[in-house]
Amino acid sequence: MQSEPTEVPPRRHHGDPEAELRAALVRMGLLRAGEAASAAALSGGVSSDIWRVETARGAFCVKRALPKLKVRDDWRAPVERNAYEVAWIEAAAAIVPDAVPKVLGRDRKGGLFAMEYLDPARYRLWKDELHAGNANVEVAREVAIRLANIHAATAGREDIAMRFATDAIFHAIRLEPYLEATARRHQDRAAALADLVAVTANTKRALVHGDVSPKNILIGRRGPVFLDAECAWYGDPAFDVAFCLNHLLLKCLWTKRAAAGFLACFDALAETYLSGVTWEPPAELERRAARLLPGLFLGRVDGKSPVEYLTDERDKDRVRKAARALLGAPVSRLAEVRAAWAVEIDT
């Protein structure tokens, strides 16, 4: 959804967001001085301001990272992540061009960038599809293929490692709010969660997106398109696959009639992704992902970014029960995590 468009004013005034946006568009060469344009704020994210800008030459999106995320808890993150998101898109575009939107411009002074607008009439949001119960295993497989291709092409590359040495940002926007914050609420699992933080932070294998979620994946004619790479980091690719699989498990409580389909998507994504792991023994990556997943699972009900669609305390307790058991007795196979959850939702 989006707000009503407002006219972007012709002059810059200190503290005026719309005037600042216009000034940035002029600096990027996307708007001429005096040219008419309108901007509509787009909803859906908690970490950035996003606008759809309309000019006589067409529409595009502009995104600016926020220093404080729009969540209940006090969650802050460095705004320079905006630049790394652009860098991730550029790196991914060189590997799988159809998997990312085109970057149209970047404005360092304003801390924002512009990218092509992907019309919802032609690009369906995967989250919406899943909510409707459309559990398409072919989509899950293609997400896995593209993700594995990006990881494989960047694995072991020193230039990528240097370009994405974003450990502090990744900690602030992923490890702390999802795992460390959860540990403060589950003291008897704090050691297990701290171990997950340490293993993830110290594993350096490939370029990580950091937010591979159905809300950030559009399904177009040429396959899945990945958005919102604010957490881009050279680190553990197991994080990306675990993060995405986590959402497929959680969706079983959102659209319960499609739970079997979501579990089939879980299987397809996990198996397809692991078949594309070439940079290390697949079993080693799977072990890290299988152990990390319960921590992320618990984090989506008791961390700083709980999923908005789980409101029933009985459902939250199901997540807690399954996640805490797996944190207490870690497994090494993703199928074991899936099986434990299948038992829980059948009870």
Protein backbone atom coordinates (compact mmCIF):
# COMPACT_ATOMS: atom_id res chain seq x y z
CA MET A 1 0.00 0.00 0.00
CA GLN A 2 1.06 3.60 -0.41
CA SER A 3 0.03 7.07 0.63
CA GLU A 4 -1.48 9.67 -1.66
CA PRO A 5 1.22 11.23 -3.86
CA THR A 6 2.39 14.72 -2.97
CA GLU A 7 4.04 17.24 -5.24
CA VAL A 8 7.81 17.37 -4.76
CA PRO A 9 8.47 21.07 -4.05
CA PRO A 10 10.82 23.08 -6.27
CA ARG A 11 13.02 24.56 -3.54
CA ARG A 12 15.05 23.02 -0.75
CA HIS A 13 14.20 24.00 2.82
CA HIS A 14 16.20 22.85 5.79
CA GLY A 15 14.45 19.94 7.49
CA ASP A 16 11.90 19.50 4.69
CA PRO A 17 12.02 15.78 3.69
CA GLU A 18 10.31 16.32 0.34
CA ALA A 19 12.61 19.18 -0.60
CA GLU A 20 15.62 17.10 0.44
CA LEU A 21 14.35 14.25 -1.71
CA ARG A 22 14.02 16.56 -4.71
CA ALA A 23 17.53 17.92 -4.20
CA ALA A 24 18.90 14.36 -4.13
CA LEU A 25 17.03 13.46 -7.32
CA VAL A 26 18.54 16.48 -9.06
CA ARG A 27 22.03 15.53 -7.88
CA MET A 28 21.51 12.00 -9.26
CA GLY A 29 20.40 13.37 -12.61
CA LEU A 30 16.97 11.79 -12.28
CA LEU A 31 15.16 15.13 -12.13
CA ARG A 32 15.81 18.44 -13.85
CA ALA A 33 15.59 21.73 -11.98
CA GLY A 34 11.99 22.88 -12.08
CA GLU A 35 10.69 19.59 -13.47
CA ALA A 36 7.36 18.38 -12.10
CA ALA A 37 7.42 15.23 -9.98
CA SER A 38 5.36 13.56 -7.28
CA ALA A 39 6.44 11.18 -4.53
CA ALA A 40 4.35 8.61 -2.66
CA ALA A 41 5.65 6.91 0.47
CA LEU A 42 5.53 3.12 0.20
CA SER A 43 4.76 1.03 3.26
CA GLY A 44 5.96 -2.40 4.27
CA GLY A 45 9.45 -1.96 5.69
CA VAL A 46 10.73 -1.08 9.16
CA SER A 47 14.31 -0.10 8.35
CA SER A 48 14.01 2.47 5.57
CA ASP A 49 11.93 5.21 4.02
CA ILE A 50 10.88 4.22 0.50
CA TRP A 51 9.14 6.39 -2.08
CA ARG A 52 7.67 5.81 -5.51
CA VAL A 53 8.60 8.86 -7.56
CA GLU A 54 6.63 9.72 -10.69
CA THR A 55 8.01 12.00 -13.40
CA ALA A 56 7.05 12.66 -17.00
CA ARG A 57 9.75 10.16 -17.98
CA GLY A 58 8.41 7.34 -15.80
CA ALA A 59 8.38 5.98 -12.26
CA PHE A 60 11.16 4.70 -10.02
CA CYS A 61 11.81 3.98 -6.32
CA VAL A 62 14.02 5.85 -3.88
CA LYS A 63 15.22 4.29 -0.64
CA ARG A 64 16.86 5.84 2.44
CA ALA A 65 18.04 3.89 5.48
CA LEU A 66 16.78 4.96 8.91
CA PRO A 67 19.09 5.22 11.95
CA LYS A 68 16.33 3.85 14.23
CA LEU A 69 14.13 1.07 12.93
CA LYS A 70 10.36 1.28 13.22
CA VAL A 71 9.84 -1.48 15.79
CA ARG A 72 8.73 -1.64 19.44
CA ASP A 73 12.22 -2.09 20.90
CA ASP A 74 15.10 0.37 20.63
CA TRP A 75 16.81 -0.97 17.51
CA ARG A 76 19.43 1.20 15.84
CA ALA A 77 21.73 0.47 12.92
CA PRO A 78 24.35 2.41 10.93
CA VAL A 79 22.79 4.22 7.95
CA GLU A 80 25.82 3.49 5.78
CA ARG A 81 24.21 0.08 5.17
CA ASN A 82 22.41 1.87 2.34
CA ALA A 83 25.67 2.00 0.37
CA TYR A 84 26.31 -1.70 0.94
CA GLU A 85 22.85 -2.53 -0.32
CA VAL A 86 23.71 -0.84 -3.61
CA ALA A 87 27.01 -2.70 -3.69
CA TRP A 88 25.24 -6.04 -3.12
CA ILE A 89 22.81 -5.36 -5.95
CA GLU A 90 25.71 -4.52 -8.25
CA ALA A 91 27.62 -7.65 -7.26
CA ALA A 92 24.56 -9.90 -7.66
CA ALA A 93 23.70 -8.31 -11.02
CA ALA A 94 27.04 -9.44 -12.39
CA ILE A 95 26.15 -13.05 -11.44
CA VAL A 96 22.37 -13.35 -11.95
CA PRO A 97 21.20 -10.16 -13.71
CA ASP A 98 17.50 -11.00 -13.50
CA ALA A 99 17.67 -11.54 -9.73
CA VAL A 100 17.92 -7.84 -8.76
CA PRO A 101 16.37 -4.49 -9.70
CA LYS A 102 18.44 -2.00 -11.71
CA VAL A 103 20.13 0.75 -9.72
CA LEU A 104 19.45 4.14 -11.34
CA GLY A 105 21.50 6.40 -9.11
CA ARG A 106 23.05 6.92 -5.70
CA ASP A 107 23.34 10.05 -3.60
CA ARG A 108 25.90 9.88 -0.81
CA LYS A 109 25.00 13.31 0.56
CA GLY A 110 21.37 12.36 1.04
CA GLY A 111 22.15 8.79 2.06
CA LEU A 112 19.80 7.28 -0.48
CA PHE A 113 19.65 5.54 -3.83
CA ALA A 114 17.19 5.10 -6.69
CA MET A 115 16.20 1.88 -8.44
CA GLU A 116 13.70 0.76 -11.01
CA TYR A 117 10.08 0.43 -9.95
CA LEU A 118 8.82 -3.12 -10.33
CA ASP A 119 5.10 -2.94 -11.01
CA PRO A 120 3.05 -5.19 -8.68
CA ALA A 121 0.89 -6.08 -11.68
CA ARG A 122 3.88 -7.94 -13.12
CA TYR A 123 5.87 -8.80 -9.99
CA ARG A 124 4.04 -10.71 -7.26
CA LEU A 125 5.33 -10.54 -3.71
CA TRP A 126 6.24 -14.05 -2.54
CA LYS A 127 4.94 -13.29 0.95
CA ASP A 128 1.51 -12.47 -0.47
CA GLU A 129 1.52 -15.65 -2.52
CA LEU A 130 2.32 -17.73 0.56
CA HIS A 131 -0.31 -15.98 2.63
CA ALA A 132 -2.85 -16.92 -0.04
CA GLY A 133 -1.75 -20.54 0.33
CA ASN A 134 0.11 -20.70 -2.99
CA ALA A 135 2.97 -22.97 -1.97
CA ASN A 136 4.80 -23.32 -5.29
CA VAL A 137 7.82 -25.58 -4.90
CA GLU A 138 9.22 -24.38 -8.23
CA VAL A 139 9.49 -20.86 -6.83
CA ALA A 140 11.28 -22.24 -3.77
CA ARG A 141 13.71 -24.13 -6.01
CA GLU A 142 14.47 -21.07 -8.13
CA VAL A 143 15.07 -18.95 -5.03
CA ALA A 144 17.55 -21.62 -3.89
CA ILE A 145 19.29 -21.79 -7.26
CA ARG A 146 19.80 -18.04 -7.48
CA LEU A 147 20.94 -17.77 -3.88
CA ALA A 148 23.43 -20.64 -4.28
CA ASN A 149 24.75 -19.12 -7.52
CA ILE A 150 25.45 -15.80 -5.80
CA HIS A 151 27.16 -17.55 -2.89
CA ALA A 152 29.21 -19.79 -5.17
CA ALA A 153 30.39 -16.93 -7.38
CA THR A 154 31.54 -14.84 -4.41
CA ALA A 155 32.98 -17.60 -2.22
CA GLY A 156 36.64 -17.24 -1.37
CA ARG A 157 36.99 -13.89 -3.14
CA GLU A 158 39.24 -11.50 -1.28
CA ASP A 159 37.98 -8.49 -3.24
CA ILE A 160 34.40 -9.20 -2.17
CA ALA A 161 35.50 -9.85 1.40
CA MET A 162 37.21 -6.45 1.55
CA ARG A 163 34.29 -4.66 -0.09
CA PHE A 164 31.77 -6.15 2.35
CA ALA A 165 33.67 -6.07 5.65
CA THR A 166 30.44 -5.01 7.36
CA ASP A 167 30.70 -7.02 10.57
CA ALA A 168 29.52 -4.14 12.77
CA ILE A 169 26.44 -3.49 10.63
CA PHE A 170 25.56 -7.18 10.43
CA HIS A 171 25.88 -7.51 14.19
CA ALA A 172 23.71 -4.44 14.79
CA ILE A 173 20.93 -5.39 12.39
CA ARG A 174 20.97 -9.19 12.57
CA LEU A 175 22.94 -10.93 15.32
CA GLU A 176 22.03 -8.57 18.17
CA PRO A 177 18.28 -8.14 17.50
CA TYR A 178 17.61 -11.73 16.48
CA LEU A 179 19.88 -13.78 18.72
CA GLU A 180 21.35 -11.69 21.53
CA ALA A 181 18.06 -9.95 22.35
CA THR A 182 16.33 -13.33 22.38
CA ALA A 183 18.99 -14.69 24.74
CA ARG A 184 18.15 -11.97 27.25
CA ARG A 185 14.57 -13.32 27.34
CA HIS A 186 15.59 -16.98 27.47
CA GLN A 187 18.44 -17.11 29.97
CA ASP A 188 18.49 -20.91 30.02
CA ARG A 189 19.24 -20.89 26.27
CA ALA A 190 21.60 -17.92 26.37
CA ALA A 191 24.75 -20.02 26.03
CA ALA A 192 23.42 -21.83 22.97
CA LEU A 193 22.38 -18.55 21.36
CA ALA A 194 25.74 -16.96 22.17
CA ASP A 195 27.46 -19.88 20.48
CA LEU A 196 25.36 -19.30 17.35
CA VAL A 197 26.40 -15.65 17.35
CA ALA A 198 30.08 -16.57 17.66
CA VAL A 199 30.01 -19.26 14.95
CA THR A 200 28.08 -17.07 12.52
CA ALA A 201 30.20 -13.97 13.12
CA ASN A 202 33.46 -15.87 12.65
CA THR A 203 32.52 -17.84 9.53
CA LYS A 204 33.75 -16.08 6.39
CA ARG A 205 32.78 -17.89 3.20
CA ALA A 206 30.76 -15.79 0.72
CA LEU A 207 28.65 -12.69 0.10
CA VAL A 208 25.53 -12.81 2.29
CA HIS A 209 22.29 -10.94 1.55
CA GLY A 210 21.15 -11.10 5.17
CA ASP A 211 17.39 -10.69 4.67
CA VAL A 212 16.28 -13.43 2.30
CA SER A 213 12.64 -13.32 3.29
CA PRO A 214 9.44 -13.81 1.24
CA LYS A 215 8.64 -10.14 1.93
CA ASN A 216 11.81 -9.22 0.03
CA ILE A 217 11.34 -11.52 -2.96
CA LEU A 218 9.26 -10.62 -6.01
CA ILE A 219 8.20 -13.28 -8.47
CA GLY A 220 8.37 -12.08 -12.06
CA ARG A 221 8.35 -13.69 -15.49
CA ARG A 222 12.12 -14.17 -15.33
CA GLY A 223 12.12 -15.63 -11.83
CA PRO A 224 12.64 -14.34 -8.28
CA VAL A 225 13.99 -10.83 -7.69
CA PHE A 226 15.76 -10.12 -4.39
CA LEU A 227 15.20 -6.80 -2.61
CA ASP A 228 16.39 -5.10 0.60
CA ALA A 229 20.02 -6.17 0.90
CA GLU A 230 20.73 -3.71 3.72
CA CYS A 231 22.42 -6.46 5.74
CA ALA A 232 24.93 -7.33 3.00
CA TRP A 233 28.01 -8.90 4.55
CA TYR A 234 30.88 -11.18 3.65
CA GLY A 235 30.32 -14.04 6.04
CA ASP A 236 28.37 -17.24 6.53
CA PRO A 237 26.05 -18.18 3.63
CA ALA A 238 24.30 -20.59 6.00
CA PHE A 239 22.64 -17.50 7.47
CA ASP A 240 20.81 -16.74 4.21
CA VAL A 241 19.41 -20.22 3.73
CA ALA A 242 18.42 -20.58 7.40
CA PHE A 243 16.79 -17.15 7.39
CA CYS A 244 14.62 -18.02 4.39
CA LEU A 245 13.72 -21.52 5.58
CA ASN A 246 12.69 -20.00 8.91
CA HIS A 247 9.93 -18.05 7.17
CA LEU A 248 8.58 -21.15 5.46
CA LEU A 249 8.19 -22.79 8.88
CA LEU A 250 6.51 -19.73 10.38
CA LYS A 251 4.04 -19.49 7.49
CA CYS A 252 2.60 -22.83 8.63
CA LEU A 253 0.93 -20.89 11.46
CA TRP A 254 -0.18 -18.00 9.26
CA THR A 255 -2.02 -19.97 6.58
CA LYS A 256 -2.53 -23.27 8.35
CA ARG A 257 -4.42 -25.00 5.54
CA ALA A 258 -1.29 -24.73 3.36
CA ALA A 259 1.17 -26.05 5.98
CA ALA A 260 1.93 -29.23 4.05
CA GLY A 261 2.75 -27.14 0.99
CA PHE A 262 5.03 -24.85 2.96
CA LEU A 263 6.91 -27.86 4.31
CA ALA A 264 7.27 -29.13 0.73
CA CYS A 265 8.72 -25.74 -0.20
CA PHE A 266 11.10 -26.04 2.77
CA ASP A 267 12.29 -29.41 1.45
CA ALA A 268 12.67 -28.14 -2.12
CA LEU A 269 14.59 -25.02 -1.11
CA ALA A 270 16.91 -26.88 1.27
CA GLU A 271 17.68 -29.74 -1.11
CA THR A 272 18.16 -27.50 -4.14
CA TYR A 273 20.38 -25.05 -2.29
CA LEU A 274 22.60 -27.75 -0.81
CA SER A 275 23.03 -29.32 -4.25
CA GLY A 276 24.56 -26.00 -5.35
CA VAL A 277 27.07 -25.73 -2.49
CA THR A 278 30.50 -26.09 -4.10
CA TRP A 279 32.74 -23.92 -1.92
CA GLU A 280 32.72 -26.20 1.13
CA PRO A 281 31.36 -29.64 2.05
CA PRO A 282 27.55 -29.27 1.91
CA ALA A 283 27.18 -31.21 5.17
CA GLU A 284 29.23 -28.59 7.02
CA LEU A 285 27.09 -25.73 5.78
CA GLU A 286 23.92 -27.70 6.50
CA ARG A 287 25.06 -28.34 10.07
CA ARG A 288 25.52 -24.61 10.69
CA ALA A 289 22.17 -23.79 9.09
CA ALA A 290 20.32 -26.50 11.05
CA ARG A 291 21.74 -25.22 14.33
CA LEU A 292 21.16 -21.56 13.52
CA LEU A 293 17.58 -21.98 12.34
CA PRO A 294 16.02 -22.64 15.80
CA GLY A 295 17.68 -19.48 17.11
CA LEU A 296 16.20 -17.43 14.30
CA PHE A 297 12.88 -19.21 14.81
CA LEU A 298 12.75 -18.20 18.46
CA GLY A 299 13.94 -14.72 17.53
CA ARG A 300 10.85 -14.10 15.44
CA VAL A 301 8.63 -14.27 18.50
CA ASP A 302 10.95 -13.06 21.29
CA GLY A 303 13.58 -10.97 19.53
CA LYS A 304 13.41 -7.32 18.49
CA SER A 305 11.65 -8.08 15.20
CA PRO A 306 8.73 -10.44 15.89
CA VAL A 307 6.68 -11.43 12.85
CA GLU A 308 3.53 -9.35 12.78
CA TYR A 309 1.18 -12.17 11.82
CA LEU A 310 1.73 -14.35 14.88
CA THR A 311 -0.65 -12.86 17.44
CA ASP A 312 -2.08 -15.95 19.12
CA GLU A 313 -0.06 -16.80 22.23
CA ARG A 314 -0.72 -20.50 21.65
CA ASP A 315 1.01 -20.26 18.27
CA LYS A 316 3.91 -18.31 19.78
CA ASP A 317 4.25 -21.01 22.42
CA ARG A 318 4.46 -23.66 19.69
CA VAL A 319 7.39 -21.78 18.18
CA ARG A 320 9.03 -21.43 21.60
CA LYS A 321 8.57 -25.11 22.42
CA ALA A 322 10.08 -26.36 19.14
CA ALA A 323 12.90 -23.81 19.05
CA ARG A 324 13.93 -24.25 22.68
CA ALA A 325 14.02 -28.04 22.32
CA LEU A 326 16.26 -27.79 19.26
CA LEU A 327 18.53 -25.25 20.95
CA GLY A 328 18.87 -27.63 23.88
CA ALA A 329 19.60 -30.64 21.67
CA PRO A 330 21.08 -29.32 18.39
CA VAL A 331 20.68 -31.33 15.18
CA SER A 332 22.83 -31.43 12.07
CA ARG A 333 20.27 -31.85 9.29
CA LEU A 334 17.69 -29.37 8.10
CA ALA A 335 15.26 -32.25 7.63
CA GLU A 336 15.45 -32.86 11.38
CA VAL A 337 14.40 -29.28 12.09
CA ARG A 338 11.53 -29.61 9.64
CA ALA A 339 10.45 -32.94 11.17
CA ALA A 340 10.43 -31.50 14.70
CA TRP A 341 8.23 -28.63 13.56
CA ALA A 342 5.89 -30.93 11.62
CA VAL A 343 5.26 -32.89 14.80
CA GLU A 344 4.57 -29.71 16.75
CA ILE A 345 2.02 -28.30 14.30
CA ASP A 346 0.26 -31.68 14.07
CA THR A 347 -0.36 -31.79 17.83
